[in-house]
Amino acid sequence: MDMAHIFGVPAALLIVAVANRLSRWTRVPDIIVLLLIGVLLGPLLHVAEPSRLQDMTRILGMLALILFEGGLDLRLNEALRYSPGGLLLALVSFGITVGLIAAVGHGALNMSWMDAALLGSVLGSTSAAVVLPAVQQLDVPGPIKIVLTVESSFGEIIAVLTVGTLIGLSGDAPLVEGLITGFGHHVLIDVSLGVMAGVAWSRIWPLVADQHFSVALNLGTVLGVFAVGRLAGGSGLLAELVFGLTLANMPRTSEMARQGERMLAFHSELTFLVRSFFFLLLGMMAELVDRAYAIPIVAILVAIVVSRWLAVRCTSWAVRDVSKDHIAPLTLSFPVV
C-alpha cells in the first residue's frame, strides 16, 4: 500500500465519522457508520486480512475503554445518587442475559452447561466503548447517562470476573463466593487507586498546567493509572472512572477550570480518534458464518433483547428522577452493545 492510501483512507474515514457526528438529520450514531464501512472493506471487499488486525484491535479496544473522560463529566453528588440504580441494572441484566443465552447455547448448539455459561458471560455485559459515545449523541436525561456509565463500567468487571471464575472452576469450588470476593477485590483496588491518583494529580496539575505539553503529561498519567490498576489486580477501568470523578470534584480556581476544559477537549478528540479506528477494525474483522448457525444466532439475539427488557422492567424503580416514559435508552442499550 502506497503513502497516498496509507494517509488517504484514514482521512476519508475520519471525515465521514466527523461529518456524521456533526449532522443532526441522520440520527445515526457514527459507530454504526464506522462498523458498516469496516464490514464493506473487510468481509465484502477483502481489502484487509482480519487475522492481522487482532492484536491492534485489542490494543485500540482497551484504549477505547478508558473511562477517564466519563469520570470528568460526573459530579460526586449525582454519581452517589444514581450509582445504585446503575449497579443493580448491571447485576440483573448480566444475570438474566447469561441465563437465557446459556439456555440457548445448551439447547440449540448442544453445548455443555459450563460452555454455554461461558458464552453467556462473554456476551452478557454492555460495553462502555460503545454505550458512552452513542449516548453522547442522543438527547437523553442526565440520570440516564450516569446510570449507563456506571452500568457499563461495572458490567465489564462482572463479565471479566465471571469468565475468569468459570474457566478456573474446579470440582466443588464455590462460584458465588469466588465472584463476590473477586468483585470486592477489584472494586477496592480500583476505587482506592482512583481516589489517591485523583487527589495527588489535583495537587500536581496546577504546577504544570500552564507548561507546554502539559496535556500530553496528563494523558501519560491517565494511561499510567490504568496500567497500575491492572498490575495491582484490578480492572483498571473503574480506576479510570474514579480518577476522573475525583479530579472533577476537587476544589479549583477559575484558571484551573479553564485548563480543565482544555484537557477535557483534548481527551475528547483523542477518544474519538481511537474509537473511530477501533470500530472500523471491528467491522473489518466480521466474518460470514455458515447458514447452519443462523437460527442459533437469531435465538441468541432474541435472548439478549428479552433479557434487557426484563432487566430494565425489574430495576426501573431504582433509577431515580426518570419517568417510565424516558427509560427507552436503558432498554435499547443491549449487552454486547
Protein backbone atom coordinates (compact mmCIF):
# COMPACT_ATOMS: atom_id res chain seq x y z
CA MET A 1 0.00 0.00 0.00
CA ASP A 2 1.49 3.37 -1.01
CA MET A 3 1.60 6.55 1.05
CA ALA A 4 -1.46 8.00 -0.68
CA HIS A 5 -3.58 5.09 0.53
CA ILE A 6 -1.96 4.96 3.99
CA PHE A 7 -2.91 8.58 4.69
CA GLY A 8 -5.92 8.88 2.40
CA VAL A 9 -8.01 6.05 3.84
CA PRO A 10 -7.80 7.24 7.50
CA ALA A 11 -8.51 10.81 6.35
CA ALA A 12 -11.63 9.73 4.48
CA LEU A 13 -12.84 7.63 7.41
CA LEU A 14 -12.37 10.42 9.94
CA ILE A 15 -14.12 12.92 7.68
CA VAL A 16 -17.07 10.54 7.33
CA ALA A 17 -17.20 9.93 11.08
CA VAL A 18 -16.97 13.62 11.99
CA ALA A 19 -19.47 14.65 9.32
CA ASN A 20 -21.92 12.05 10.59
CA ARG A 21 -21.46 13.15 14.21
CA LEU A 22 -21.97 16.81 13.32
CA SER A 23 -25.01 16.07 11.20
CA ARG A 24 -28.28 16.45 13.08
CA TRP A 25 -30.53 14.93 10.46
CA THR A 26 -29.06 11.45 10.16
CA ARG A 27 -29.85 10.46 13.78
CA VAL A 28 -27.44 7.56 13.21
CA PRO A 29 -24.51 7.21 15.68
CA ASP A 30 -21.13 7.35 13.97
CA ILE A 31 -20.37 3.92 15.46
CA ILE A 32 -22.88 2.33 13.07
CA VAL A 33 -21.35 4.16 10.10
CA LEU A 34 -17.82 3.05 11.02
CA LEU A 35 -18.88 -0.58 11.56
CA LEU A 36 -20.64 -0.65 8.19
CA ILE A 37 -17.57 0.81 6.46
CA GLY A 38 -15.43 -1.81 8.17
CA VAL A 39 -17.72 -4.61 7.03
CA LEU A 40 -17.57 -3.22 3.49
CA LEU A 41 -13.78 -3.09 3.48
CA GLY A 42 -13.32 -6.41 5.27
CA PRO A 43 -15.61 -9.38 4.57
CA LEU A 44 -17.22 -7.85 1.46
CA LEU A 45 -14.32 -6.29 -0.47
CA HIS A 46 -11.49 -8.19 1.31
CA VAL A 47 -9.29 -5.10 1.47
CA ALA A 48 -7.73 -6.23 4.76
CA GLU A 49 -6.86 -9.56 6.35
CA PRO A 50 -8.77 -9.86 9.68
CA SER A 51 -6.16 -12.15 11.29
CA ARG A 52 -3.56 -9.39 11.03
CA LEU A 53 -5.78 -6.92 12.89
CA GLN A 54 -6.49 -8.86 16.08
CA ASP A 55 -3.58 -7.53 18.15
CA MET A 56 -4.22 -3.96 17.01
CA THR A 57 -7.92 -4.29 17.78
CA ARG A 58 -7.23 -5.48 21.32
CA ILE A 59 -4.95 -2.51 21.99
CA LEU A 60 -7.34 0.03 20.50
CA GLY A 61 -10.21 -1.64 22.33
CA MET A 62 -8.56 -1.12 25.71
CA LEU A 63 -7.76 2.49 24.82
CA ALA A 64 -11.37 2.99 23.75
CA LEU A 65 -12.47 1.70 27.15
CA ILE A 66 -10.52 4.31 29.08
CA LEU A 67 -13.26 5.92 31.19
CA PHE A 68 -11.33 8.99 32.37
CA GLU A 69 -13.43 11.29 30.19
CA GLY A 70 -16.65 9.77 31.56
CA GLY A 71 -15.48 10.43 35.12
CA LEU A 72 -14.69 14.06 34.34
CA ASP A 73 -18.30 14.57 33.28
CA LEU A 74 -19.69 13.34 36.60
CA ARG A 75 -20.39 15.22 39.81
CA LEU A 76 -19.99 13.40 43.09
CA ASN A 77 -23.50 14.02 44.40
CA GLU A 78 -25.02 12.82 41.11
CA ALA A 79 -22.77 9.76 40.98
CA LEU A 80 -23.74 8.77 44.52
CA ARG A 81 -27.42 9.35 43.78
CA TYR A 82 -27.65 7.32 40.56
CA SER A 83 -24.91 4.69 41.00
CA PRO A 84 -27.06 2.21 42.97
CA GLY A 85 -29.51 2.03 40.07
CA GLY A 86 -26.69 1.51 37.58
CA LEU A 87 -25.06 -1.22 39.67
CA LEU A 88 -28.37 -3.02 40.20
CA LEU A 89 -29.13 -2.85 36.47
CA ALA A 90 -25.66 -4.24 35.67
CA LEU A 91 -26.13 -7.22 38.01
CA VAL A 92 -29.70 -8.05 36.99
CA SER A 93 -29.11 -7.56 33.27
CA PHE A 94 -25.95 -9.66 33.31
CA GLY A 95 -27.56 -12.44 35.32
CA ILE A 96 -30.68 -12.75 33.16
CA THR A 97 -28.69 -12.49 29.92
CA VAL A 98 -26.22 -15.17 30.95
CA GLY A 99 -29.07 -17.48 31.94
CA LEU A 100 -31.05 -17.10 28.70
CA ILE A 101 -28.01 -17.30 26.41
CA ALA A 102 -26.79 -20.37 28.29
CA ALA A 103 -30.18 -22.00 27.72
CA VAL A 104 -29.98 -21.21 24.01
CA GLY A 105 -26.41 -22.49 23.76
CA HIS A 106 -27.29 -25.71 25.55
CA GLY A 107 -30.46 -26.32 23.56
CA ALA A 108 -29.63 -25.03 20.08
CA LEU A 109 -25.87 -25.62 19.92
CA ASN A 110 -25.64 -28.76 22.08
CA MET A 111 -23.07 -27.09 24.32
CA SER A 112 -22.39 -28.25 27.85
CA TRP A 113 -23.87 -26.06 30.55
CA MET A 114 -20.40 -24.83 31.50
CA ASP A 115 -19.52 -23.84 27.93
CA ALA A 116 -22.97 -22.29 27.47
CA ALA A 117 -22.48 -20.26 30.65
CA LEU A 118 -19.12 -19.07 29.34
CA LEU A 119 -20.80 -17.97 26.11
CA GLY A 120 -23.42 -16.09 28.08
CA SER A 121 -20.78 -14.45 30.28
CA VAL A 122 -18.85 -13.20 27.24
CA LEU A 123 -21.97 -11.71 25.66
CA GLY A 124 -23.75 -10.67 28.84
CA SER A 125 -22.47 -7.17 29.61
CA THR A 126 -22.79 -3.82 27.90
CA SER A 127 -19.61 -2.22 26.58
CA ALA A 128 -18.61 1.26 27.72
CA ALA A 129 -16.69 1.72 24.47
CA VAL A 130 -19.99 1.53 22.57
CA VAL A 131 -22.54 2.86 25.04
CA LEU A 132 -20.83 6.10 26.07
CA PRO A 133 -20.16 7.61 22.62
CA ALA A 134 -23.63 6.57 21.45
CA VAL A 135 -25.31 8.16 24.48
CA GLN A 136 -23.35 11.38 23.96
CA GLN A 137 -25.05 11.80 20.58
CA LEU A 138 -28.56 11.21 21.93
CA ASP A 139 -30.82 13.66 23.74
CA VAL A 140 -31.37 11.70 26.95
CA PRO A 141 -31.79 12.86 30.57
CA GLY A 142 -28.67 13.25 32.69
CA PRO A 143 -29.61 10.43 35.11
CA ILE A 144 -29.86 8.01 32.17
CA LYS A 145 -26.31 8.89 31.07
CA ILE A 146 -24.95 8.36 34.58
CA VAL A 147 -26.78 5.06 35.04
CA LEU A 148 -25.46 3.75 31.72
CA THR A 149 -21.93 4.93 32.55
CA VAL A 150 -21.99 3.16 35.90
CA GLU A 151 -23.64 0.04 34.48
CA SER A 152 -21.19 -0.37 31.62
CA SER A 153 -18.22 0.26 33.94
CA PHE A 154 -19.27 -2.36 36.48
CA GLY A 155 -20.60 -4.66 33.76
CA GLU A 156 -17.15 -5.03 32.22
CA ILE A 157 -15.73 -6.02 35.63
CA ILE A 158 -18.53 -8.51 36.33
CA ALA A 159 -18.10 -10.13 32.92
CA VAL A 160 -14.31 -10.46 33.26
CA LEU A 161 -14.62 -11.92 36.76
CA THR A 162 -17.33 -14.37 35.74
CA VAL A 163 -15.42 -15.64 32.71
CA GLY A 164 -12.21 -16.00 34.71
CA THR A 165 -14.01 -17.78 37.55
CA LEU A 166 -15.80 -20.21 35.22
CA ILE A 167 -12.59 -21.04 33.37
CA GLY A 168 -10.72 -21.71 36.60
CA LEU A 169 -13.62 -23.50 38.27
CA SER A 170 -12.71 -26.97 39.51
CA GLY A 171 -14.66 -29.56 41.41
CA ASP A 172 -16.94 -28.08 44.03
CA ALA A 173 -15.29 -24.65 44.08
CA PRO A 174 -17.84 -22.06 45.27
CA LEU A 175 -18.83 -19.98 42.23
CA VAL A 176 -20.84 -17.27 44.01
CA GLU A 177 -18.25 -16.83 46.74
CA GLY A 178 -15.50 -16.52 44.14
CA LEU A 179 -17.44 -13.88 42.21
CA ILE A 180 -18.24 -11.83 45.31
CA THR A 181 -14.66 -11.99 46.57
CA GLY A 182 -13.22 -11.12 43.18
CA PHE A 183 -15.67 -8.28 42.64
CA GLY A 184 -14.93 -6.78 46.05
CA HIS A 185 -11.19 -7.12 45.40
CA HIS A 186 -11.43 -5.32 42.04
CA VAL A 187 -13.63 -2.54 43.40
CA LEU A 188 -11.42 -1.97 46.45
CA ILE A 189 -8.25 -1.73 44.36
CA ASP A 190 -9.75 0.44 41.62
CA VAL A 191 -11.58 2.85 43.93
CA SER A 192 -8.57 3.27 46.23
CA LEU A 193 -6.20 3.83 43.33
CA GLY A 194 -8.59 6.19 41.54
CA VAL A 195 -9.13 8.36 44.62
CA MET A 196 -5.44 8.51 45.54
CA ALA A 197 -4.42 9.31 41.97
CA GLY A 198 -7.13 11.96 41.67
CA VAL A 199 -6.15 13.70 44.90
CA ALA A 200 -2.43 13.58 44.08
CA TRP A 201 -2.87 14.78 40.49
CA SER A 202 -5.15 17.63 41.61
CA ARG A 203 -2.17 18.93 43.61
CA ILE A 204 0.39 18.40 40.83
CA TRP A 205 -1.68 19.56 37.86
CA PRO A 206 -1.81 23.27 38.89
CA LEU A 207 2.00 23.31 38.90
CA VAL A 208 2.32 22.09 35.31
CA ALA A 209 -0.97 23.05 33.66
CA ASP A 210 0.40 26.21 32.03
CA GLN A 211 3.52 24.49 30.69
CA HIS A 212 3.97 23.20 27.16
CA PHE A 213 2.87 19.59 26.60
CA SER A 214 1.04 19.51 29.96
CA VAL A 215 -1.96 17.84 28.31
CA ALA A 216 0.31 15.10 26.98
CA LEU A 217 1.66 14.66 30.51
CA ASN A 218 -1.90 14.29 31.75
CA LEU A 219 -2.52 11.63 29.11
CA GLY A 220 0.53 9.73 30.35
CA THR A 221 -0.86 9.90 33.87
CA VAL A 222 -4.23 8.57 32.71
CA LEU A 223 -2.61 5.61 30.97
CA GLY A 224 -0.37 5.06 34.00
CA VAL A 225 -3.36 4.82 36.35
CA PHE A 226 -4.91 2.20 34.10
CA ALA A 227 -1.64 0.22 33.93
CA VAL A 228 -1.10 0.34 37.71
CA GLY A 229 -4.69 -0.76 38.29
CA ARG A 230 -4.16 -3.79 36.07
CA LEU A 231 -0.83 -4.65 37.70
CA ALA A 232 -2.37 -4.35 41.18
CA GLY A 233 -5.01 -6.92 40.32
CA GLY A 234 -7.89 -4.59 39.49
CA SER A 235 -9.61 -3.99 36.18
CA GLY A 236 -8.16 -0.52 35.61
CA LEU A 237 -11.44 0.61 34.04
CA LEU A 238 -13.15 1.55 37.29
CA ALA A 239 -9.91 3.16 38.48
CA GLU A 240 -10.01 5.48 35.47
CA LEU A 241 -13.64 6.40 36.12
CA VAL A 242 -12.95 7.14 39.80
CA PHE A 243 -9.77 9.04 38.87
CA GLY A 244 -11.71 11.37 36.57
CA LEU A 245 -14.57 11.67 39.07
CA THR A 246 -12.19 12.61 41.90
CA LEU A 247 -10.31 15.11 39.77
CA ALA A 248 -13.53 16.75 38.56
CA ASN A 249 -14.83 17.25 42.11
CA MET A 250 -11.69 18.68 43.75
CA PRO A 251 -11.73 22.41 44.59
CA ARG A 252 -10.26 24.53 41.79
CA THR A 253 -9.87 28.13 40.74
CA SER A 254 -11.31 29.73 37.62
CA GLU A 255 -7.92 29.37 35.90
CA MET A 256 -7.84 25.68 36.74
CA ALA A 257 -11.39 25.33 35.42
CA ARG A 258 -10.22 26.80 32.11
CA GLN A 259 -7.23 24.45 31.98
CA GLY A 260 -9.56 21.58 32.83
CA GLU A 261 -11.77 22.40 29.86
CA ARG A 262 -8.71 22.36 27.59
CA MET A 263 -7.69 18.99 29.00
CA LEU A 264 -11.19 17.57 28.53
CA ALA A 265 -11.31 18.83 24.94
CA PHE A 266 -8.02 17.09 24.17
CA HIS A 267 -9.19 13.80 25.68
CA SER A 268 -12.49 14.02 23.82
CA GLU A 269 -10.70 14.41 20.49
CA LEU A 270 -8.25 11.61 21.26
CA THR A 271 -11.00 9.27 22.45
CA PHE A 272 -12.99 9.97 19.31
CA LEU A 273 -9.96 9.17 17.15
CA VAL A 274 -9.21 5.90 18.95
CA ARG A 275 -12.82 4.77 18.95
CA SER A 276 -13.20 5.59 15.26
CA PHE A 277 -10.36 3.27 14.26
CA PHE A 278 -11.44 0.66 16.81
CA PHE A 279 -14.93 0.27 15.37
CA LEU A 280 -13.59 0.39 11.84
CA LEU A 281 -11.25 -2.52 12.58
CA LEU A 282 -14.03 -4.31 14.43
CA GLY A 283 -16.18 -4.16 11.32
CA MET A 284 -13.30 -5.35 9.15
CA MET A 285 -12.89 -8.43 11.39
CA ALA A 286 -16.50 -9.52 10.90
CA GLU A 287 -16.89 -12.92 9.31
CA LEU A 288 -19.70 -14.52 7.37
CA VAL A 289 -20.97 -17.66 9.12
CA ASP A 290 -22.49 -20.83 7.79
CA ARG A 291 -26.26 -20.95 7.37
CA ALA A 292 -26.44 -23.71 9.96
CA TYR A 293 -25.67 -21.14 12.65
CA ALA A 294 -28.31 -18.63 11.51
CA ILE A 295 -31.08 -19.93 13.78
CA PRO A 296 -28.89 -20.14 16.95
CA ILE A 297 -27.57 -16.62 16.28
CA VAL A 298 -31.09 -15.26 15.91
CA ALA A 299 -32.10 -17.10 19.08
CA ILE A 300 -29.18 -15.54 20.98
CA LEU A 301 -30.12 -12.07 19.73
CA VAL A 302 -33.71 -12.62 20.83
CA ALA A 303 -32.46 -13.78 24.23
CA ILE A 304 -30.37 -10.61 24.57
CA VAL A 305 -33.32 -8.35 23.69
CA VAL A 306 -35.71 -10.17 26.03
CA SER A 307 -33.14 -10.18 28.84
CA ARG A 308 -32.59 -6.46 28.56
CA TRP A 309 -36.30 -5.74 28.52
CA LEU A 310 -36.85 -7.86 31.62
CA ALA A 311 -33.85 -6.36 33.44
CA VAL A 312 -34.96 -2.77 32.83
CA ARG A 313 -38.52 -3.57 33.90
CA CYS A 314 -37.25 -5.22 37.09
CA THR A 315 -34.89 -2.39 38.05
CA SER A 316 -36.58 0.78 36.74
CA TRP A 317 -37.80 1.53 40.25
CA ALA A 318 -34.17 2.02 41.36
CA VAL A 319 -33.39 4.62 38.67
CA ARG A 320 -34.15 7.94 40.30
CA ASP A 321 -35.57 11.09 38.72
CA VAL A 322 -36.53 9.32 35.49
CA SER A 323 -40.10 8.59 34.48
CA LYS A 324 -41.11 5.37 32.78
CA ASP A 325 -41.59 7.32 29.55
CA HIS A 326 -37.82 8.08 29.41
CA ILE A 327 -36.30 4.65 30.10
CA ALA A 328 -36.21 3.61 26.42
CA PRO A 329 -32.43 4.35 26.15
CA LEU A 330 -31.84 1.89 29.01
CA THR A 331 -33.80 -0.80 27.20
CA LEU A 332 -32.01 -0.20 23.90
CA SER A 333 -28.52 -0.42 25.42
CA PHE A 334 -28.32 -4.16 24.94
CA PRO A 335 -25.47 -6.30 26.27
CA VAL A 336 -22.51 -6.58 23.84
CA VAL A 337 -23.58 -3.13 22.59
